[in-house]
Amino acid sequence: MVAIPTQKQRVTIRTVAEDAGVSVAAVSKVLRDAYGVSDALRGRVQASIAKLGYRPHAAARGMRGQTYTLGLLMPDLHNPFFADILEGVNTALQRSQYQPLLGVSDSAAGTELALIDAMADRQMDGIILIGSRLPINELERVASRIPIVVIAHHPIGEPDFDTVNNDDRLGATLVVQHLVAAGFKHVAYLSQELGAHNSDTMVTTQREIGYRAAMHEAGLSRNIQVVHAGQTSREAQNAARQMLEARHPPDAIFCWTDFIALEVLSVARDMGLDVPGDLAIVGYDNTWYCDLAQNALTSIDQSGQVLGLQAARLLIERIKGRTQAEHYVVTPRLVARRSTQPGS
């Protein structure tokens, strides 16, 4: 056994090998999670790594081809649904060598591109993009440089990157069908403010398509109302108040995400409206806030943890050489609560 190095002495892979009584090649295999390593060997090496405080040198690993770091790029920190996705990613990576590093784009395409370039320059092995604001041609350019998985609706026939998402059109259809069955007729859709580069691949656009089709199917085409608002509390509340103070206000509002629906719920109560007697409210994502008694928010569950887990799986497969695109789709389900069901 070797002595534990002092603070000034760098612990190397050779130090670990000597302490564990194995070869440097064996330690390397454990670090790379290579095939054929026995549990006994892995345990000995990991015990030495923990005792010695060994940390692989990221730059050196990058020169050998991998840094075992993955970028996780999200549009903001306000939406609690993104925490569900991150939890799924972490679960997928628990028994791997990979570590996720987080970037936040503030829903700005320019910032997103800058963060992607920074992640690629730091030799990250791949990137998971959540709700990307980049147009398809930019995503293709990024995918030609570094493996990516996009959590969003996928373009038909896209061969250069993988996508993970739920069926947004079906989710919106479930909302409209649920509200119409409960007796609501004037169902409005409160959507995300669109930017110049947004396309049909935006989840909010796909939900709008599903909403419009379901309203038409229910014979309520004349009652279709789509409002776009920003993502801040002030913008969401202003949009909700304008909708509810209109001459002919909706009797139900379907929101593109839960945290916007909670703002609508707050405005409705501030205006003295009964929910759902005067107004039904539905969110999307089924985050844990929905289940709190003071909210009791009906929402679409699209399994954020599953999305994160599958995104990490697909990205690692891409890094390891898979070239054929995969597009994983989760089937959404509606979770009904008091915001649409009196007495529930």
Protein backbone atom coordinates (compact mmCIF):
# COMPACT_ATOMS: atom_id res chain seq x y z
CA MET A 1 0.00 0.00 0.00
CA VAL A 2 1.21 3.53 -0.74
CA ALA A 3 1.17 6.51 1.58
CA ILE A 4 -1.61 9.03 1.01
CA PRO A 5 -0.02 12.01 -0.84
CA THR A 6 0.14 15.38 0.84
CA GLN A 7 -1.96 18.31 -0.39
CA LYS A 8 0.82 19.55 -2.71
CA GLN A 9 1.38 16.16 -4.31
CA ARG A 10 -0.87 15.36 -7.26
CA VAL A 11 -2.56 11.97 -7.13
CA THR A 12 -2.11 10.26 -10.50
CA ILE A 13 -3.59 7.18 -12.09
CA ARG A 14 -0.31 5.42 -11.29
CA THR A 15 -0.73 6.29 -7.59
CA VAL A 16 -4.18 4.70 -7.64
CA ALA A 17 -2.86 1.59 -9.42
CA GLU A 18 -0.08 1.12 -6.83
CA ASP A 19 -2.50 1.53 -3.93
CA ALA A 20 -5.02 -0.90 -5.39
CA GLY A 21 -2.31 -3.38 -6.40
CA VAL A 22 -3.39 -3.43 -10.04
CA SER A 23 -2.03 -2.21 -13.35
CA VAL A 24 -2.44 1.30 -14.72
CA ALA A 25 -4.40 -0.24 -17.60
CA ALA A 26 -6.85 -1.78 -15.12
CA VAL A 27 -7.47 1.58 -13.45
CA SER A 28 -7.98 3.14 -16.87
CA LYS A 29 -10.60 0.52 -17.73
CA VAL A 30 -12.50 1.27 -14.52
CA LEU A 31 -12.39 5.01 -15.22
CA ARG A 32 -13.67 4.44 -18.75
CA ASP A 33 -16.35 2.02 -17.54
CA ALA A 34 -14.92 -0.43 -20.06
CA TYR A 35 -16.55 -3.76 -20.81
CA GLY A 36 -15.26 -6.83 -18.97
CA VAL A 37 -14.22 -5.24 -15.67
CA SER A 38 -15.14 -7.49 -12.74
CA ASP A 39 -17.05 -6.15 -9.74
CA ALA A 40 -14.14 -7.11 -7.48
CA LEU A 41 -11.61 -5.15 -9.55
CA ARG A 42 -13.94 -2.18 -9.84
CA GLY A 43 -14.47 -2.18 -6.07
CA ARG A 44 -10.73 -2.22 -5.31
CA VAL A 45 -9.99 0.62 -7.69
CA GLN A 46 -12.92 2.73 -6.51
CA ALA A 47 -11.89 2.22 -2.89
CA SER A 48 -8.39 3.51 -3.68
CA ILE A 49 -9.82 6.44 -5.65
CA ALA A 50 -11.99 7.41 -2.68
CA LYS A 51 -9.15 7.03 -0.15
CA LEU A 52 -6.62 8.99 -2.20
CA GLY A 53 -9.06 11.63 -3.42
CA TYR A 54 -8.08 11.01 -7.03
CA ARG A 55 -9.66 13.29 -9.63
CA PRO A 56 -9.15 12.59 -13.38
CA HIS A 57 -7.56 15.51 -15.20
CA ALA A 58 -10.29 16.81 -17.52
CA ALA A 59 -7.95 18.40 -20.05
CA ALA A 60 -5.87 15.24 -20.33
CA ARG A 61 -8.99 13.13 -20.76
CA GLY A 62 -10.15 15.53 -23.48
CA MET A 63 -6.91 15.07 -25.40
CA ARG A 64 -7.53 11.31 -25.24
CA GLY A 65 -10.96 11.78 -26.77
CA GLN A 66 -13.46 12.16 -23.89
CA THR A 67 -13.94 14.38 -20.85
CA TYR A 68 -17.01 12.50 -19.55
CA THR A 69 -18.87 15.77 -19.12
CA LEU A 70 -22.26 16.53 -20.68
CA GLY A 71 -23.74 19.97 -21.17
CA LEU A 72 -27.34 20.51 -20.07
CA LEU A 73 -28.75 23.71 -21.56
CA MET A 74 -32.13 25.01 -20.37
CA PRO A 75 -33.98 28.24 -21.24
CA ASP A 76 -34.54 29.48 -17.67
CA LEU A 77 -34.62 28.55 -13.98
CA HIS A 78 -38.22 29.60 -13.32
CA ASN A 79 -40.04 26.59 -14.72
CA PRO A 80 -40.12 23.79 -12.11
CA PHE A 81 -40.60 21.23 -14.88
CA PHE A 82 -36.94 21.61 -15.81
CA ALA A 83 -35.99 20.34 -12.35
CA ASP A 84 -37.90 17.13 -13.14
CA ILE A 85 -35.90 16.74 -16.35
CA LEU A 86 -32.62 17.34 -14.51
CA GLU A 87 -33.56 14.69 -11.95
CA GLY A 88 -34.11 12.21 -14.78
CA VAL A 89 -30.72 13.06 -16.31
CA ASN A 90 -29.00 12.60 -12.95
CA THR A 91 -30.70 9.24 -12.48
CA ALA A 92 -29.49 8.06 -15.88
CA LEU A 93 -25.91 9.11 -15.14
CA GLN A 94 -25.63 7.69 -11.61
CA ARG A 95 -23.85 4.50 -12.65
CA SER A 96 -21.80 6.10 -15.42
CA GLN A 97 -18.61 8.16 -15.61
CA TYR A 98 -20.50 11.18 -16.96
CA GLN A 99 -21.20 14.39 -15.05
CA PRO A 100 -23.72 17.06 -16.22
CA LEU A 101 -22.82 20.76 -16.28
CA LEU A 102 -25.64 23.30 -16.47
CA GLY A 103 -26.10 26.37 -18.67
CA VAL A 104 -29.05 28.80 -18.79
CA SER A 105 -29.85 30.71 -21.99
CA ASP A 106 -32.64 33.02 -20.71
CA SER A 107 -34.66 31.92 -23.78
CA ALA A 108 -32.34 33.93 -26.06
CA ALA A 109 -31.04 32.23 -29.21
CA GLY A 110 -27.84 34.31 -29.17
CA THR A 111 -27.04 33.34 -25.58
CA GLU A 112 -27.88 29.72 -26.35
CA LEU A 113 -25.43 29.64 -29.25
CA ALA A 114 -22.72 31.25 -27.13
CA LEU A 115 -23.20 28.65 -24.39
CA ILE A 116 -23.13 25.80 -26.90
CA ASP A 117 -19.87 27.12 -28.34
CA ALA A 118 -18.41 27.44 -24.83
CA MET A 119 -19.42 23.86 -23.99
CA ALA A 120 -17.95 22.53 -27.23
CA ASP A 121 -14.73 24.54 -26.73
CA ARG A 122 -14.40 22.96 -23.28
CA GLN A 123 -14.54 19.56 -24.98
CA MET A 124 -17.79 18.38 -23.45
CA ASP A 125 -18.75 15.06 -24.98
CA GLY A 126 -22.34 16.06 -25.83
CA ILE A 127 -25.18 18.46 -25.01
CA ILE A 128 -28.84 18.08 -24.06
CA LEU A 129 -30.89 21.08 -25.23
CA ILE A 130 -34.18 21.71 -23.42
CA GLY A 131 -36.71 23.81 -25.34
CA SER A 132 -34.11 25.18 -27.74
CA ARG A 133 -34.85 28.52 -29.43
CA LEU A 134 -32.53 27.72 -32.36
CA PRO A 135 -33.91 27.17 -35.86
CA ILE A 136 -33.42 23.77 -37.48
CA ASN A 137 -30.49 24.84 -39.64
CA GLU A 138 -28.60 26.00 -36.53
CA LEU A 139 -29.36 22.76 -34.69
CA GLU A 140 -28.04 20.82 -37.69
CA ARG A 141 -24.87 22.90 -37.65
CA VAL A 142 -24.38 22.25 -33.93
CA ALA A 143 -25.05 18.52 -34.40
CA SER A 144 -22.32 18.35 -37.04
CA ARG A 145 -19.87 19.60 -34.43
CA ILE A 146 -20.93 17.80 -31.24
CA PRO A 147 -23.52 15.11 -30.37
CA ILE A 148 -26.81 16.65 -29.17
CA VAL A 149 -30.24 15.56 -28.01
CA VAL A 150 -33.09 18.07 -28.16
CA ILE A 151 -36.00 17.88 -25.72
CA ALA A 152 -38.69 19.28 -28.02
CA HIS A 153 -40.95 18.27 -30.90
CA HIS A 154 -38.84 16.80 -33.69
CA PRO A 155 -38.77 17.77 -37.38
CA ILE A 156 -39.83 14.94 -39.67
CA GLY A 157 -36.89 13.05 -41.11
CA GLU A 158 -34.23 14.86 -39.08
CA PRO A 159 -31.21 12.52 -39.27
CA ASP A 160 -28.50 14.51 -37.49
CA PHE A 161 -29.72 14.60 -33.89
CA ASP A 162 -32.08 12.81 -31.52
CA THR A 163 -35.16 14.25 -29.85
CA VAL A 164 -37.21 13.41 -26.75
CA ASN A 165 -40.67 14.79 -26.13
CA ASN A 166 -44.25 13.98 -25.26
CA ASP A 167 -47.09 14.05 -27.81
CA ASP A 168 -48.01 17.72 -27.45
CA ARG A 169 -50.97 17.62 -29.82
CA LEU A 170 -52.47 14.71 -27.92
CA GLY A 171 -51.87 16.48 -24.60
CA ALA A 172 -53.79 19.55 -25.79
CA THR A 173 -56.56 17.34 -27.15
CA LEU A 174 -56.94 15.67 -23.76
CA VAL A 175 -57.30 19.09 -22.12
CA VAL A 176 -60.05 20.28 -24.47
CA GLN A 177 -61.93 16.98 -24.26
CA HIS A 178 -61.79 17.07 -20.46
CA LEU A 179 -63.05 20.66 -20.26
CA VAL A 180 -65.84 20.18 -22.80
CA ALA A 181 -67.00 17.03 -20.98
CA ALA A 182 -67.17 19.10 -17.77
CA GLY A 183 -69.43 21.65 -19.48
CA PHE A 184 -66.95 24.41 -20.40
CA LYS A 185 -67.40 25.92 -23.86
CA HIS A 186 -65.28 29.08 -24.04
CA VAL A 187 -61.86 27.48 -23.68
CA ALA A 188 -58.89 29.80 -24.31
CA TYR A 189 -55.25 28.81 -24.78
CA LEU A 190 -52.60 30.96 -23.07
CA SER A 191 -49.39 30.27 -24.95
CA GLN A 192 -45.77 31.36 -24.87
CA GLU A 193 -44.68 34.52 -26.62
CA LEU A 194 -43.09 33.50 -29.91
CA GLY A 195 -39.76 34.77 -31.24
CA ALA A 196 -38.60 35.45 -34.76
CA HIS A 197 -36.94 32.05 -35.24
CA ASN A 198 -39.64 29.82 -33.76
CA SER A 199 -41.13 27.11 -35.93
CA ASP A 200 -43.58 24.22 -35.82
CA THR A 201 -41.03 22.34 -33.70
CA MET A 202 -41.88 24.53 -30.68
CA VAL A 203 -43.91 22.56 -28.15
CA THR A 204 -46.23 25.52 -27.62
CA THR A 205 -47.01 25.58 -31.33
CA GLN A 206 -47.78 21.87 -31.34
CA ARG A 207 -50.08 22.30 -28.34
CA GLU A 208 -51.87 25.11 -30.15
CA ILE A 209 -52.38 22.86 -33.17
CA GLY A 210 -53.88 20.19 -30.92
CA TYR A 211 -56.05 22.74 -29.12
CA ARG A 212 -57.46 24.19 -32.33
CA ALA A 213 -58.18 20.75 -33.81
CA ALA A 214 -59.92 19.58 -30.63
CA MET A 215 -62.03 22.74 -30.40
CA HIS A 216 -63.06 22.28 -34.02
CA GLU A 217 -63.89 18.62 -33.39
CA ALA A 218 -66.07 19.65 -30.44
CA GLY A 219 -67.99 22.12 -32.64
CA LEU A 220 -66.50 25.11 -30.80
CA SER A 221 -64.45 26.69 -33.58
CA ARG A 222 -66.07 30.10 -33.00
CA ASN A 223 -64.81 30.04 -29.39
CA ILE A 224 -61.14 29.52 -30.24
CA GLN A 225 -58.95 32.11 -28.50
CA VAL A 226 -55.15 32.03 -28.44
CA VAL A 227 -53.18 34.57 -26.40
CA HIS A 228 -49.38 34.80 -26.38
CA ALA A 229 -47.59 36.19 -23.33
CA GLY A 230 -44.07 36.44 -21.93
CA GLN A 231 -42.78 34.15 -19.21
CA THR A 232 -42.39 36.61 -16.35
CA SER A 233 -44.97 36.77 -13.56
CA ARG A 234 -45.97 40.29 -14.52
CA GLU A 235 -46.48 39.41 -18.20
CA ALA A 236 -48.48 36.26 -17.42
CA GLN A 237 -50.65 38.04 -14.86
CA ASN A 238 -51.31 40.99 -17.17
CA ALA A 239 -52.35 38.66 -19.98
CA ALA A 240 -54.66 36.70 -17.67
CA ARG A 241 -56.25 39.86 -16.28
CA GLN A 242 -56.91 41.24 -19.77
CA MET A 243 -58.53 37.96 -20.79
CA LEU A 244 -60.75 37.85 -17.71
CA GLU A 245 -61.75 41.53 -17.85
CA ALA A 246 -62.80 41.29 -21.50
CA ARG A 247 -66.43 41.73 -22.49
CA HIS A 248 -66.73 38.01 -23.22
CA PRO A 249 -64.18 36.28 -20.95
CA PRO A 250 -63.35 32.58 -21.29
CA ASP A 251 -64.85 30.11 -18.85
CA ALA A 252 -61.69 27.99 -19.00
CA ILE A 253 -58.02 28.76 -19.65
CA PHE A 254 -55.56 26.11 -20.82
CA CYS A 255 -51.98 27.24 -20.07
CA TRP A 256 -48.94 25.97 -21.91
CA THR A 257 -47.10 25.21 -18.64
CA ASP A 258 -47.89 24.87 -14.96
CA PHE A 259 -46.05 27.91 -13.66
CA ILE A 260 -48.09 30.14 -16.00
CA ALA A 261 -51.29 28.37 -14.89
CA LEU A 262 -50.43 29.14 -11.26
CA GLU A 263 -50.16 32.84 -12.17
CA VAL A 264 -53.60 32.65 -13.78
CA LEU A 265 -54.95 30.96 -10.66
CA SER A 266 -53.54 33.79 -8.55
CA VAL A 267 -55.17 36.45 -10.76
CA ALA A 268 -58.53 34.66 -10.73
CA ARG A 269 -58.59 34.53 -6.95
CA ASP A 270 -57.50 38.15 -6.68
CA MET A 271 -60.45 39.09 -8.91
CA GLY A 272 -62.82 37.16 -6.65
CA LEU A 273 -63.57 34.44 -9.19
CA ASP A 274 -64.49 30.97 -8.09
CA VAL A 275 -62.30 28.20 -9.51
CA PRO A 276 -63.75 26.19 -11.22
CA GLY A 277 -67.25 27.67 -10.79
CA ASP A 278 -66.43 30.84 -12.72
CA LEU A 279 -63.22 29.73 -14.39
CA ALA A 280 -61.52 26.38 -14.95
CA ILE A 281 -57.72 26.37 -15.21
CA VAL A 282 -55.46 23.67 -16.67
CA GLY A 283 -51.66 23.53 -16.76
CA TYR A 284 -49.12 21.35 -18.52
CA ASP A 285 -46.23 19.32 -16.96
CA ASN A 286 -47.88 18.10 -13.73
CA THR A 287 -45.10 19.52 -11.54
CA TRP A 288 -45.32 18.91 -7.80
CA TYR A 289 -46.87 22.36 -7.19
CA CYS A 290 -50.06 21.11 -8.85
CA ASP A 291 -50.76 18.69 -6.04
CA LEU A 292 -50.58 21.27 -3.24
CA ALA A 293 -54.02 21.74 -1.68
CA GLN A 294 -54.08 25.50 -2.30
CA ASN A 295 -53.47 24.90 -6.03
CA ALA A 296 -55.15 21.55 -6.83
CA LEU A 297 -54.30 22.25 -10.47
CA THR A 298 -55.44 19.94 -13.26
CA SER A 299 -52.47 19.33 -15.53
CA ILE A 300 -51.02 17.16 -18.29
CA ASP A 301 -48.34 14.78 -17.05
CA GLN A 302 -45.58 14.37 -19.62
CA SER A 303 -43.15 12.55 -17.30
CA GLY A 304 -40.28 15.00 -17.00
CA GLN A 305 -38.02 12.47 -15.30
CA VAL A 306 -38.57 10.00 -18.14
CA LEU A 307 -37.72 12.69 -20.69
CA GLY A 308 -34.47 13.49 -18.89
CA LEU A 309 -33.53 9.85 -18.46
CA GLN A 310 -34.16 9.02 -22.11
CA ALA A 311 -32.33 12.14 -23.30
CA ALA A 312 -29.22 11.12 -21.36
CA ARG A 313 -29.46 7.56 -22.68
CA LEU A 314 -29.72 8.69 -26.28
CA LEU A 315 -26.88 11.18 -25.91
CA ILE A 316 -24.49 8.58 -24.52
CA GLU A 317 -25.43 6.24 -27.36
CA ARG A 318 -24.64 9.03 -29.85
CA ILE A 319 -21.30 9.66 -28.17
CA LYS A 320 -20.48 5.97 -28.45
CA GLY A 321 -21.09 6.01 -32.18
CA ARG A 322 -24.76 5.51 -33.05
CA THR A 323 -25.59 7.53 -36.18
CA GLN A 324 -29.24 6.68 -36.90
CA ALA A 325 -31.59 9.26 -35.38
CA GLU A 326 -34.07 8.27 -32.69
CA HIS A 327 -37.12 10.28 -31.63
CA TYR A 328 -38.52 9.12 -28.29
CA VAL A 329 -42.13 10.15 -27.60
CA VAL A 330 -43.94 9.89 -24.25
CA THR A 331 -47.72 9.45 -24.21
CA PRO A 332 -49.19 12.22 -22.02
CA ARG A 333 -52.01 11.74 -19.52
CA LEU A 334 -54.38 14.19 -17.89
CA VAL A 335 -54.41 14.41 -14.07
CA ALA A 336 -57.70 16.00 -13.00
CA ARG A 337 -57.88 18.06 -9.80
CA ARG A 338 -60.14 20.68 -8.23
CA SER A 339 -59.28 23.49 -10.68
CA THR A 340 -61.59 21.81 -13.22
CA GLN A 341 -63.69 19.55 -11.00
CA PRO A 342 -65.80 21.07 -8.20
CA GLY A 343 -65.43 19.13 -4.96
CA SER A 344 -62.62 16.90 -6.23
